[in-house]
N, C-alpha and C. Protein backbone atom coordinates (compact mmCIF):
# COMPACT_ATOMS: atom_id res chain seq x y z
N MET A 1 23.41 1.55 -17.68
CA MET A 1 22.13 0.85 -17.74
C MET A 1 21.76 0.34 -16.35
N ALA A 2 20.54 0.53 -15.95
CA ALA A 2 20.07 0.14 -14.62
C ALA A 2 19.88 -1.37 -14.52
N LYS A 3 20.22 -1.92 -13.36
CA LYS A 3 19.95 -3.32 -13.05
C LYS A 3 18.94 -3.31 -11.91
N THR A 4 17.72 -3.75 -12.20
CA THR A 4 16.65 -3.69 -11.20
C THR A 4 16.05 -5.06 -10.89
N ASP A 5 16.80 -6.12 -11.10
CA ASP A 5 16.30 -7.47 -10.86
C ASP A 5 16.29 -7.78 -9.37
N ILE A 6 15.13 -7.92 -8.81
CA ILE A 6 14.99 -8.23 -7.39
C ILE A 6 14.41 -9.63 -7.18
N SER A 7 14.47 -10.47 -8.21
CA SER A 7 13.84 -11.79 -8.15
C SER A 7 14.40 -12.69 -7.05
N LYS A 8 15.65 -12.50 -6.65
CA LYS A 8 16.24 -13.33 -5.58
C LYS A 8 15.55 -13.11 -4.23
N LEU A 9 14.83 -12.00 -4.10
CA LEU A 9 14.10 -11.77 -2.86
C LEU A 9 13.03 -12.83 -2.63
N SER A 10 12.56 -13.45 -3.70
CA SER A 10 11.52 -14.48 -3.57
C SER A 10 12.03 -15.73 -2.86
N GLU A 11 13.34 -15.84 -2.68
CA GLU A 11 13.93 -16.98 -1.99
C GLU A 11 13.92 -16.81 -0.46
N ILE A 12 13.55 -15.64 0.03
CA ILE A 12 13.51 -15.39 1.47
C ILE A 12 12.36 -16.19 2.10
N ALA A 13 12.63 -16.86 3.20
CA ALA A 13 11.60 -17.62 3.90
C ALA A 13 10.43 -16.70 4.26
N GLY A 14 9.22 -17.15 3.98
CA GLY A 14 8.02 -16.37 4.28
C GLY A 14 7.68 -15.32 3.25
N PHE A 15 8.38 -15.31 2.12
CA PHE A 15 8.19 -14.28 1.09
C PHE A 15 6.74 -14.19 0.62
N ILE A 16 6.23 -12.97 0.58
CA ILE A 16 4.91 -12.68 0.01
C ILE A 16 5.07 -11.89 -1.28
N GLY A 17 5.85 -10.82 -1.22
CA GLY A 17 6.06 -9.98 -2.39
C GLY A 17 7.09 -8.91 -2.10
N ALA A 18 7.65 -8.36 -3.18
CA ALA A 18 8.65 -7.31 -3.03
C ALA A 18 8.61 -6.39 -4.23
N CYS A 19 9.05 -5.16 -4.00
CA CYS A 19 9.15 -4.23 -5.11
C CYS A 19 10.27 -3.23 -4.86
N LEU A 20 10.71 -2.64 -5.93
CA LEU A 20 11.71 -1.58 -5.91
C LEU A 20 10.96 -0.31 -6.28
N VAL A 21 11.07 0.72 -5.43
CA VAL A 21 10.21 1.90 -5.58
C VAL A 21 11.04 3.18 -5.59
N ASP A 22 10.66 4.10 -6.46
CA ASP A 22 11.24 5.44 -6.49
C ASP A 22 10.44 6.29 -5.51
N SER A 23 11.09 6.72 -4.42
CA SER A 23 10.36 7.45 -3.39
C SER A 23 10.04 8.89 -3.77
N GLU A 24 10.63 9.38 -4.85
CA GLU A 24 10.29 10.73 -5.30
C GLU A 24 8.97 10.75 -6.03
N THR A 25 8.64 9.64 -6.71
CA THR A 25 7.41 9.59 -7.49
C THR A 25 6.40 8.57 -6.96
N GLY A 26 6.86 7.61 -6.14
CA GLY A 26 6.00 6.53 -5.68
C GLY A 26 5.82 5.45 -6.71
N MET A 27 6.54 5.53 -7.82
CA MET A 27 6.39 4.56 -8.90
C MET A 27 7.24 3.32 -8.65
N MET A 28 6.66 2.18 -8.98
CA MET A 28 7.34 0.90 -8.84
C MET A 28 8.26 0.69 -10.03
N LEU A 29 9.51 0.34 -9.77
CA LEU A 29 10.50 0.12 -10.82
C LEU A 29 10.66 -1.35 -11.16
N SER A 30 10.35 -2.21 -10.22
CA SER A 30 10.49 -3.65 -10.39
C SER A 30 9.64 -4.33 -9.32
N ALA A 31 9.17 -5.54 -9.60
CA ALA A 31 8.36 -6.25 -8.61
C ALA A 31 8.49 -7.76 -8.81
N VAL A 32 8.28 -8.48 -7.72
CA VAL A 32 8.23 -9.94 -7.76
C VAL A 32 7.25 -10.40 -6.69
N GLY A 33 6.42 -11.39 -7.02
CA GLY A 33 5.44 -11.90 -6.06
C GLY A 33 4.20 -11.02 -6.00
N GLY A 34 3.58 -11.02 -4.85
CA GLY A 34 2.36 -10.23 -4.68
C GLY A 34 1.15 -11.02 -5.11
N GLY A 35 0.62 -10.70 -6.26
CA GLY A 35 -0.55 -11.40 -6.78
C GLY A 35 -1.84 -10.70 -6.41
N ALA A 36 -2.93 -11.40 -6.60
CA ALA A 36 -4.26 -10.84 -6.40
C ALA A 36 -4.51 -10.45 -4.94
N LYS A 37 -3.88 -11.15 -4.01
CA LYS A 37 -4.12 -10.88 -2.59
C LYS A 37 -3.21 -9.80 -2.01
N PHE A 38 -2.20 -9.37 -2.77
CA PHE A 38 -1.27 -8.37 -2.25
C PHE A 38 -0.85 -7.45 -3.39
N ASP A 39 -1.42 -6.26 -3.41
CA ASP A 39 -1.18 -5.29 -4.47
C ASP A 39 0.14 -4.56 -4.22
N LEU A 40 1.19 -5.00 -4.87
CA LEU A 40 2.51 -4.42 -4.67
C LEU A 40 2.61 -2.97 -5.13
N GLU A 41 1.91 -2.64 -6.19
CA GLU A 41 1.95 -1.26 -6.68
C GLU A 41 1.37 -0.31 -5.64
N ALA A 42 0.25 -0.68 -5.05
CA ALA A 42 -0.36 0.14 -4.00
C ALA A 42 0.53 0.17 -2.76
N ALA A 43 1.11 -0.98 -2.40
CA ALA A 43 1.98 -1.05 -1.22
C ALA A 43 3.23 -0.19 -1.41
N GLY A 44 3.80 -0.24 -2.60
CA GLY A 44 4.98 0.58 -2.88
C GLY A 44 4.69 2.06 -2.79
N ALA A 45 3.58 2.47 -3.37
CA ALA A 45 3.19 3.88 -3.33
C ALA A 45 2.89 4.32 -1.90
N ALA A 46 2.18 3.49 -1.14
CA ALA A 46 1.84 3.85 0.23
C ALA A 46 3.08 3.92 1.11
N ASN A 47 4.02 3.01 0.91
CA ASN A 47 5.23 3.02 1.72
C ASN A 47 6.18 4.14 1.34
N THR A 48 5.97 4.75 0.20
CA THR A 48 6.70 5.97 -0.14
C THR A 48 6.39 7.03 0.91
N GLU A 49 5.13 7.09 1.34
CA GLU A 49 4.73 8.04 2.37
C GLU A 49 5.37 7.71 3.72
N VAL A 50 5.55 6.43 4.01
CA VAL A 50 6.21 6.01 5.24
C VAL A 50 7.66 6.50 5.25
N VAL A 51 8.35 6.30 4.13
CA VAL A 51 9.75 6.73 4.01
C VAL A 51 9.84 8.25 4.13
N ARG A 52 8.98 8.94 3.42
CA ARG A 52 8.99 10.42 3.48
C ARG A 52 8.73 10.92 4.90
N ALA A 53 7.78 10.28 5.60
CA ALA A 53 7.45 10.69 6.96
C ALA A 53 8.64 10.47 7.90
N LYS A 54 9.33 9.35 7.75
CA LYS A 54 10.48 9.09 8.61
C LYS A 54 11.60 10.08 8.34
N LEU A 55 11.85 10.38 7.07
CA LEU A 55 12.88 11.36 6.73
C LEU A 55 12.53 12.74 7.30
N ALA A 56 11.26 13.12 7.22
CA ALA A 56 10.83 14.40 7.76
C ALA A 56 10.98 14.43 9.28
N ALA A 57 10.65 13.33 9.94
CA ALA A 57 10.80 13.24 11.39
C ALA A 57 12.27 13.34 11.79
N MET A 58 13.14 12.68 11.05
CA MET A 58 14.57 12.75 11.34
C MET A 58 15.08 14.18 11.19
N LYS A 59 14.62 14.85 10.16
CA LYS A 59 15.03 16.24 9.94
C LYS A 59 14.53 17.14 11.06
N GLN A 60 13.28 16.93 11.46
CA GLN A 60 12.66 17.76 12.49
C GLN A 60 13.39 17.64 13.83
N ILE A 61 13.87 16.46 14.17
CA ILE A 61 14.55 16.28 15.46
C ILE A 61 16.07 16.42 15.34
N GLY A 62 16.53 16.78 14.14
CA GLY A 62 17.94 17.08 13.97
C GLY A 62 18.85 15.88 13.83
N LEU A 63 18.32 14.75 13.39
CA LEU A 63 19.16 13.58 13.16
C LEU A 63 19.80 13.68 11.78
N ASN A 64 21.10 13.84 11.75
CA ASN A 64 21.83 13.90 10.49
C ASN A 64 22.35 12.49 10.21
N ASP A 65 21.48 11.63 9.71
CA ASP A 65 21.81 10.22 9.51
C ASP A 65 21.01 9.69 8.32
N GLN A 66 21.26 8.43 7.97
CA GLN A 66 20.53 7.79 6.89
C GLN A 66 19.77 6.59 7.43
N ILE A 67 18.67 6.25 6.77
CA ILE A 67 17.90 5.06 7.13
C ILE A 67 18.62 3.85 6.55
N GLU A 68 18.95 2.88 7.40
CA GLU A 68 19.51 1.61 6.91
C GLU A 68 18.37 0.71 6.46
N ASP A 69 17.42 0.50 7.35
CA ASP A 69 16.18 -0.18 6.99
C ASP A 69 15.11 0.14 8.02
N MET A 70 13.89 -0.15 7.66
CA MET A 70 12.74 0.09 8.54
C MET A 70 11.94 -1.21 8.60
N LEU A 71 11.50 -1.56 9.80
CA LEU A 71 10.70 -2.76 9.98
C LEU A 71 9.34 -2.37 10.53
N ILE A 72 8.30 -2.87 9.89
CA ILE A 72 6.95 -2.68 10.38
C ILE A 72 6.41 -4.07 10.70
N THR A 73 6.04 -4.28 11.94
CA THR A 73 5.55 -5.57 12.38
C THR A 73 4.04 -5.51 12.50
N LEU A 74 3.37 -6.35 11.74
CA LEU A 74 1.91 -6.47 11.79
C LEU A 74 1.55 -7.76 12.51
N GLY A 75 0.29 -8.03 12.65
CA GLY A 75 -0.14 -9.26 13.31
C GLY A 75 0.34 -10.52 12.61
N THR A 76 0.30 -10.52 11.28
CA THR A 76 0.67 -11.73 10.54
C THR A 76 1.82 -11.52 9.56
N GLN A 77 2.31 -10.29 9.45
CA GLN A 77 3.35 -10.01 8.45
C GLN A 77 4.43 -9.10 9.00
N TYR A 78 5.60 -9.19 8.37
CA TYR A 78 6.67 -8.21 8.53
C TYR A 78 6.78 -7.45 7.22
N HIS A 79 6.98 -6.15 7.30
CA HIS A 79 7.24 -5.33 6.12
C HIS A 79 8.60 -4.69 6.33
N LEU A 80 9.51 -4.94 5.43
CA LEU A 80 10.88 -4.44 5.52
C LEU A 80 11.10 -3.44 4.40
N ILE A 81 11.60 -2.26 4.75
CA ILE A 81 11.86 -1.19 3.79
C ILE A 81 13.34 -0.84 3.88
N ARG A 82 14.05 -0.89 2.76
CA ARG A 82 15.48 -0.58 2.76
C ARG A 82 15.81 0.39 1.62
N PRO A 83 16.08 1.66 1.95
CA PRO A 83 16.55 2.58 0.91
C PRO A 83 17.92 2.12 0.40
N LEU A 84 18.17 2.31 -0.89
CA LEU A 84 19.46 1.90 -1.45
C LEU A 84 20.55 2.84 -0.95
N THR A 85 21.67 2.29 -0.56
CA THR A 85 22.78 3.08 -0.04
C THR A 85 23.27 4.08 -1.07
N ASN A 86 23.43 3.64 -2.32
CA ASN A 86 23.96 4.51 -3.37
C ASN A 86 22.91 5.40 -4.02
N THR A 87 21.64 5.06 -3.86
CA THR A 87 20.54 5.85 -4.42
C THR A 87 19.42 5.88 -3.39
N PRO A 88 19.55 6.69 -2.33
CA PRO A 88 18.58 6.65 -1.23
C PRO A 88 17.16 7.08 -1.59
N THR A 89 16.95 7.62 -2.78
CA THR A 89 15.59 7.96 -3.20
C THR A 89 14.85 6.74 -3.74
N VAL A 90 15.55 5.62 -3.82
CA VAL A 90 14.93 4.36 -4.26
C VAL A 90 15.01 3.39 -3.09
N PHE A 91 13.91 2.65 -2.85
CA PHE A 91 13.94 1.68 -1.75
C PHE A 91 13.38 0.33 -2.18
N ILE A 92 13.85 -0.69 -1.45
CA ILE A 92 13.33 -2.05 -1.60
C ILE A 92 12.27 -2.23 -0.53
N TYR A 93 11.13 -2.78 -0.92
CA TYR A 93 10.05 -3.08 0.01
C TYR A 93 9.78 -4.58 -0.07
N VAL A 94 9.77 -5.25 1.07
CA VAL A 94 9.53 -6.69 1.11
C VAL A 94 8.46 -7.00 2.15
N ALA A 95 7.47 -7.80 1.78
CA ALA A 95 6.45 -8.28 2.70
C ALA A 95 6.70 -9.77 2.96
N LEU A 96 6.69 -10.14 4.24
CA LEU A 96 6.98 -11.51 4.65
C LEU A 96 5.90 -12.03 5.58
N ASP A 97 5.63 -13.33 5.50
CA ASP A 97 4.72 -13.98 6.43
C ASP A 97 5.46 -14.16 7.76
N LYS A 98 4.86 -13.65 8.81
CA LYS A 98 5.51 -13.62 10.12
C LYS A 98 5.80 -15.02 10.68
N LYS A 99 4.94 -16.00 10.36
CA LYS A 99 5.11 -17.35 10.91
C LYS A 99 6.36 -18.05 10.39
N SER A 100 6.75 -17.76 9.16
CA SER A 100 7.87 -18.51 8.57
C SER A 100 9.10 -17.66 8.26
N ALA A 101 9.04 -16.38 8.50
CA ALA A 101 10.17 -15.50 8.18
C ALA A 101 11.19 -15.49 9.31
N ASN A 102 12.43 -15.28 8.94
CA ASN A 102 13.52 -15.06 9.89
C ASN A 102 14.05 -13.66 9.58
N LEU A 103 13.79 -12.71 10.46
CA LEU A 103 14.13 -11.31 10.19
C LEU A 103 15.62 -11.08 9.95
N GLY A 104 16.45 -11.73 10.73
CA GLY A 104 17.89 -11.56 10.56
C GLY A 104 18.33 -12.00 9.18
N MET A 105 17.88 -13.16 8.75
CA MET A 105 18.23 -13.66 7.42
C MET A 105 17.60 -12.80 6.33
N ALA A 106 16.39 -12.34 6.56
CA ALA A 106 15.73 -11.49 5.57
C ALA A 106 16.53 -10.21 5.34
N ARG A 107 16.99 -9.58 6.42
CA ARG A 107 17.80 -8.35 6.29
C ARG A 107 19.08 -8.62 5.51
N ILE A 108 19.72 -9.75 5.79
CA ILE A 108 20.95 -10.12 5.07
C ILE A 108 20.65 -10.32 3.59
N ASN A 109 19.55 -11.02 3.28
CA ASN A 109 19.18 -11.27 1.89
C ASN A 109 18.84 -9.99 1.14
N VAL A 110 18.12 -9.08 1.80
CA VAL A 110 17.75 -7.82 1.15
C VAL A 110 19.01 -7.00 0.87
N LYS A 111 19.92 -6.98 1.82
CA LYS A 111 21.18 -6.24 1.63
C LYS A 111 21.99 -6.84 0.49
N SER A 112 21.98 -8.16 0.38
CA SER A 112 22.69 -8.85 -0.69
C SER A 112 22.10 -8.49 -2.07
N VAL A 113 20.78 -8.47 -2.17
CA VAL A 113 20.12 -8.09 -3.42
C VAL A 113 20.42 -6.63 -3.75
N GLU A 114 20.40 -5.79 -2.72
CA GLU A 114 20.71 -4.36 -2.93
C GLU A 114 22.09 -4.21 -3.58
N ALA A 115 23.06 -5.00 -3.15
CA ALA A 115 24.42 -4.91 -3.66
C ALA A 115 24.50 -5.20 -5.16
N GLU A 116 23.54 -5.95 -5.67
CA GLU A 116 23.53 -6.30 -7.10
C GLU A 116 22.79 -5.29 -7.97
N LEU A 117 22.08 -4.37 -7.33
CA LEU A 117 21.30 -3.38 -8.09
C LEU A 117 22.19 -2.22 -8.55
N GLU A 118 21.87 -1.69 -9.71
CA GLU A 118 22.55 -0.51 -10.23
C GLU A 118 21.49 0.45 -10.74
N MET A 119 21.57 1.67 -10.23
CA MET A 119 20.59 2.68 -10.65
C MET A 119 21.30 3.80 -11.42
């Protein structure tokens, strides 16, 4: 039975929203936060394309490696994408407010939540 509870991600400083996404389909498997101002379903689907593009780029340049995480820095937000180690076709996506987030702690927290997931 799958364990997809990502609610502990909401404890990260600067948390806006997070979701667990199947990168093969772009479908959201779990979500927390978001709301009317941040459409997590659309963000999850759009970031599926980001993950696919990075994997294609790695293949094209001959990198035989795995993505640990990806950071996208915007003017007011950080977006962190972490494919699951045991199920790399599924990734965690987290949006954080740049003013109050601590990236080092956020990465540790996301990795900790990943360890509790079972797919």
